[in-house]
Amino acid sequence: MITVYGEGRGFRVVWLLEEMGLPYRLRDVDLLAGVENDPEFLAINPAGFIPALVDGDATMVESIAIMEYLIARYGPTPLAPAPHDPAFPAYQQFLHLGEAGLGVPIYFVNVSSRLAPEGERRNWGARKALEVFESRLGLVTRQLARAPYMAGDAFTAADISVAYTLLLAHMGGSFALGEAERDYVDRVAHRDAFQRALDTCHATRNWWGDRAPGR
């Protein structure tokens, strides 16, 4: 049985598993309570961040790497274009952009705005991170002007990567999405697999509340 440890970016992994129809279980990790109080999880990921995945003898961390593993291990799947497919370059770019280009900077914007002392919430690092997020978001906006999804006409795992981060930015209150991005998020959030993932990820559902897309 595949076990996913933690929500947060683990929502991406759960969403992918639902899209692929793979059996799994979600094991909660309470970061607020402190991972130092969760020795079972620290044995899986001593670095103490989420998500993590255990699949038989395989143990992995990093949400995008986990997604690539699941696709390679349990594919083929239409969620990942084949390397010879013309959609493959865009798929690869946006699969990784969703975290490296968008997810990392918006994380620092979110934690600064929510957790930093009042006088430090708009510090230089937070402002620079927002600039980086906005510049990379321009690539998403340009792609949406060309096609309904990140890799073209078909939904792929790249959309799971990007859409989750757009929701992270929007729900965290750090960034107001434009109309094209809002329509895109709403479109993918109406997928049955997204809604099943949301029903599984109770902490995510509770955080988003009535603002959860697709409802």
Protein backbone atom coordinates (compact mmCIF):
# COMPACT_ATOMS: atom_id res chain seq x y z
CA MET A 1 0.00 0.00 0.00
CA ILE A 2 1.32 3.45 -0.92
CA THR A 3 1.46 5.76 2.10
CA VAL A 4 1.55 9.54 1.75
CA TYR A 5 2.81 11.41 4.80
CA GLY A 6 1.44 14.91 5.27
CA GLU A 7 -0.81 17.26 3.35
CA GLY A 8 0.45 20.65 2.20
CA ARG A 9 2.26 19.85 -1.02
CA GLY A 10 1.20 16.29 -0.35
CA PHE A 11 -2.14 17.38 -1.80
CA ARG A 12 -0.43 17.22 -5.20
CA VAL A 13 0.50 13.60 -4.58
CA VAL A 14 -2.96 12.63 -3.36
CA TRP A 15 -4.54 14.36 -6.36
CA LEU A 16 -2.24 12.45 -8.73
CA LEU A 17 -3.01 9.15 -7.01
CA GLU A 18 -6.73 9.85 -7.40
CA GLU A 19 -6.26 10.71 -11.08
CA MET A 20 -4.35 7.45 -11.63
CA GLY A 21 -6.78 5.37 -9.59
CA LEU A 22 -4.06 3.96 -7.34
CA PRO A 23 -4.83 2.75 -3.79
CA TYR A 24 -3.12 4.67 -1.01
CA ARG A 25 -3.47 5.88 2.54
CA LEU A 26 -2.82 9.37 3.86
CA ARG A 27 -1.01 9.62 7.17
CA ASP A 28 -1.36 12.98 8.92
CA VAL A 29 1.73 14.93 9.94
CA ASP A 30 1.04 17.83 12.31
CA LEU A 31 3.74 20.41 11.66
CA LEU A 32 2.18 22.82 14.15
CA ALA A 33 2.51 20.27 16.93
CA GLY A 34 6.15 19.82 15.94
CA VAL A 35 7.68 16.96 13.97
CA GLU A 36 10.08 16.41 16.87
CA ASN A 37 7.08 14.80 18.56
CA ASP A 38 6.52 12.43 15.64
CA PRO A 39 9.38 9.91 15.67
CA GLU A 40 7.65 7.65 13.14
CA PHE A 41 7.63 10.43 10.58
CA LEU A 42 11.17 11.55 11.37
CA ALA A 43 12.31 8.00 10.69
CA ILE A 44 10.83 8.42 7.20
CA ASN A 45 12.18 11.94 6.60
CA PRO A 46 14.74 13.14 9.14
CA ALA A 47 14.64 16.59 7.52
CA GLY A 48 11.11 16.90 8.88
CA PHE A 49 9.28 18.40 5.91
CA ILE A 50 6.25 17.14 4.00
CA PRO A 51 5.26 15.32 1.94
CA ALA A 52 6.95 11.96 2.06
CA LEU A 53 5.96 8.74 0.35
CA VAL A 54 6.58 5.12 1.22
CA ASP A 55 5.88 2.51 -1.44
CA GLY A 56 7.26 -0.88 -0.49
CA ASP A 57 11.01 -0.46 -0.20
CA ALA A 58 10.92 2.99 -1.81
CA THR A 59 10.95 6.09 0.39
CA MET A 60 10.82 9.52 -1.23
CA VAL A 61 10.38 13.19 -0.37
CA GLU A 62 9.77 16.25 -2.61
CA SER A 63 6.34 16.40 -4.22
CA ILE A 64 7.42 16.71 -7.86
CA ALA A 65 9.94 13.88 -7.56
CA ILE A 66 7.24 11.73 -5.98
CA MET A 67 4.87 12.52 -8.84
CA GLU A 68 7.51 11.59 -11.42
CA TYR A 69 8.20 8.35 -9.54
CA LEU A 70 4.53 7.35 -9.45
CA ILE A 71 4.06 8.11 -13.15
CA ALA A 72 7.17 6.13 -14.10
CA ARG A 73 6.42 3.25 -11.73
CA TYR A 74 2.70 2.85 -12.39
CA GLY A 75 2.32 4.34 -15.88
CA PRO A 76 2.02 4.84 -18.70
CA THR A 77 -0.68 7.41 -18.13
CA PRO A 78 -2.16 10.23 -20.22
CA LEU A 79 -1.16 12.50 -17.34
CA ALA A 80 2.39 12.44 -18.75
CA PRO A 81 3.02 12.87 -22.49
CA ALA A 82 5.60 10.53 -23.98
CA PRO A 83 9.01 12.06 -24.74
CA HIS A 84 8.30 12.08 -28.50
CA ASP A 85 4.97 13.87 -28.00
CA PRO A 86 5.07 17.56 -29.09
CA ALA A 87 3.46 18.42 -25.72
CA PHE A 88 6.34 16.89 -23.75
CA PRO A 89 8.61 19.99 -23.49
CA ALA A 90 5.80 22.18 -22.12
CA TYR A 91 4.76 19.38 -19.80
CA GLN A 92 8.26 19.09 -18.35
CA GLN A 93 8.68 22.84 -18.02
CA PHE A 94 5.44 23.47 -16.15
CA LEU A 95 5.66 20.32 -14.04
CA HIS A 96 8.81 21.75 -12.48
CA LEU A 97 7.85 25.42 -12.71
CA GLY A 98 4.91 24.71 -10.42
CA GLU A 99 7.31 24.13 -7.53
CA ALA A 100 10.75 25.51 -8.42
CA GLY A 101 9.55 28.71 -10.08
CA LEU A 102 6.27 29.34 -8.26
CA GLY A 103 5.97 27.22 -5.14
CA VAL A 104 9.27 28.16 -3.52
CA PRO A 105 8.92 31.95 -3.74
CA ILE A 106 5.25 32.02 -2.72
CA TYR A 107 6.10 29.90 0.32
CA PHE A 108 8.38 32.64 1.62
CA VAL A 109 5.80 35.30 0.81
CA ASN A 110 3.14 33.34 2.72
CA VAL A 111 5.22 32.64 5.82
CA SER A 112 6.43 36.24 5.95
CA SER A 113 2.91 37.65 5.72
CA ARG A 114 1.44 35.18 8.24
CA LEU A 115 4.20 34.37 10.71
CA ALA A 116 6.78 37.16 10.71
CA PRO A 117 6.67 40.00 13.26
CA GLU A 118 4.48 42.86 12.06
CA GLY A 119 7.39 45.08 11.03
CA GLU A 120 9.08 42.33 9.01
CA ARG A 121 6.22 41.04 6.91
CA ARG A 122 7.18 43.13 3.90
CA ASN A 123 10.92 42.65 4.27
CA TRP A 124 13.32 42.70 1.34
CA GLY A 125 13.35 38.92 0.98
CA ALA A 126 9.56 38.69 0.93
CA ARG A 127 9.31 41.46 -1.66
CA LYS A 128 11.93 39.79 -3.84
CA ALA A 129 10.20 36.43 -3.54
CA LEU A 130 6.94 38.04 -4.69
CA GLU A 131 8.74 39.57 -7.67
CA VAL A 132 10.09 36.14 -8.61
CA PHE A 133 6.64 34.58 -8.28
CA GLU A 134 5.03 37.27 -10.43
CA SER A 135 7.66 36.96 -13.16
CA ARG A 136 7.28 33.17 -13.38
CA LEU A 137 3.51 33.49 -13.26
CA GLY A 138 3.79 35.39 -16.52
CA LEU A 139 4.77 32.12 -18.19
CA VAL A 140 1.56 30.54 -16.95
CA THR A 141 -0.52 33.48 -18.14
CA ARG A 142 1.07 33.33 -21.58
CA GLN A 143 0.42 29.58 -21.82
CA LEU A 144 -3.23 30.02 -20.83
CA ALA A 145 -3.63 32.50 -23.68
CA ARG A 146 -2.57 29.71 -26.03
CA ALA A 147 -4.18 26.60 -24.57
CA PRO A 148 -6.52 25.48 -21.77
CA TYR A 149 -3.81 23.51 -19.94
CA MET A 150 -0.12 23.77 -19.23
CA ALA A 151 0.91 21.16 -21.80
CA GLY A 152 -1.68 22.11 -24.41
CA ASP A 153 -5.17 20.77 -24.98
CA ALA A 154 -5.04 17.93 -22.44
CA PHE A 155 -4.88 17.93 -18.65
CA THR A 156 -1.60 16.51 -17.33
CA ALA A 157 0.37 16.22 -14.10
CA ALA A 158 1.86 19.62 -14.93
CA ASP A 159 -1.55 21.09 -14.14
CA ILE A 160 -1.55 19.38 -10.75
CA SER A 161 1.81 21.00 -10.06
CA VAL A 162 0.89 24.51 -11.20
CA ALA A 163 -2.74 24.65 -10.05
CA TYR A 164 -1.85 23.61 -6.51
CA THR A 165 0.64 26.47 -6.22
CA LEU A 166 -1.84 28.99 -7.61
CA LEU A 167 -4.28 27.85 -4.95
CA LEU A 168 -1.55 28.14 -2.33
CA ALA A 169 -0.95 31.75 -3.36
CA HIS A 170 -4.63 32.63 -3.55
CA MET A 171 -5.83 30.85 -0.41
CA GLY A 172 -2.87 32.14 1.56
CA GLY A 173 -4.02 35.68 0.83
CA SER A 174 -0.64 36.65 -0.58
CA PHE A 175 -1.65 37.15 -4.19
CA ALA A 176 -4.78 37.94 -6.18
CA LEU A 177 -5.00 35.77 -9.26
CA GLY A 178 -6.03 37.26 -12.57
CA GLU A 179 -9.14 36.20 -14.44
CA ALA A 180 -7.33 33.70 -16.67
CA GLU A 181 -5.69 32.02 -13.69
CA ARG A 182 -8.93 31.95 -11.69
CA ASP A 183 -10.79 30.34 -14.59
CA TYR A 184 -7.99 27.80 -15.00
CA VAL A 185 -7.99 26.83 -11.33
CA ASP A 186 -11.77 26.54 -11.32
CA ARG A 187 -11.62 24.35 -14.43
CA VAL A 188 -9.19 21.82 -12.98
CA ALA A 189 -10.84 21.93 -9.55
CA HIS A 190 -14.06 20.58 -11.04
CA ARG A 191 -12.30 17.33 -11.88
CA ASP A 192 -13.64 14.39 -9.88
CA ALA A 193 -10.13 13.40 -8.77
CA PHE A 194 -9.50 16.87 -7.34
CA GLN A 195 -12.70 16.70 -5.33
CA ARG A 196 -11.87 13.21 -4.05
CA ALA A 197 -8.43 14.47 -3.02
CA LEU A 198 -10.04 17.38 -1.21
CA ASP A 199 -12.38 15.00 0.62
CA THR A 200 -9.36 12.94 1.72
CA CYS A 201 -7.19 15.89 2.76
CA HIS A 202 -9.24 17.14 5.70
CA ALA A 203 -6.77 19.77 6.86
CA THR A 204 -6.60 21.28 3.37
CA ARG A 205 -10.37 21.23 3.03
CA ASN A 206 -10.81 22.86 6.43
CA TRP A 207 -8.24 25.54 5.61
CA TRP A 208 -9.91 26.43 2.32
CA GLY A 209 -13.41 26.10 3.78
CA ASP A 210 -16.18 27.64 1.71
CA ARG A 211 -13.58 29.17 -0.59
CA ALA A 212 -12.55 25.74 -1.90
CA PRO A 213 -12.76 25.80 -5.69
CA GLY A 214 -15.05 23.52 -7.61
CA ARG A 215 -17.69 23.44 -4.86
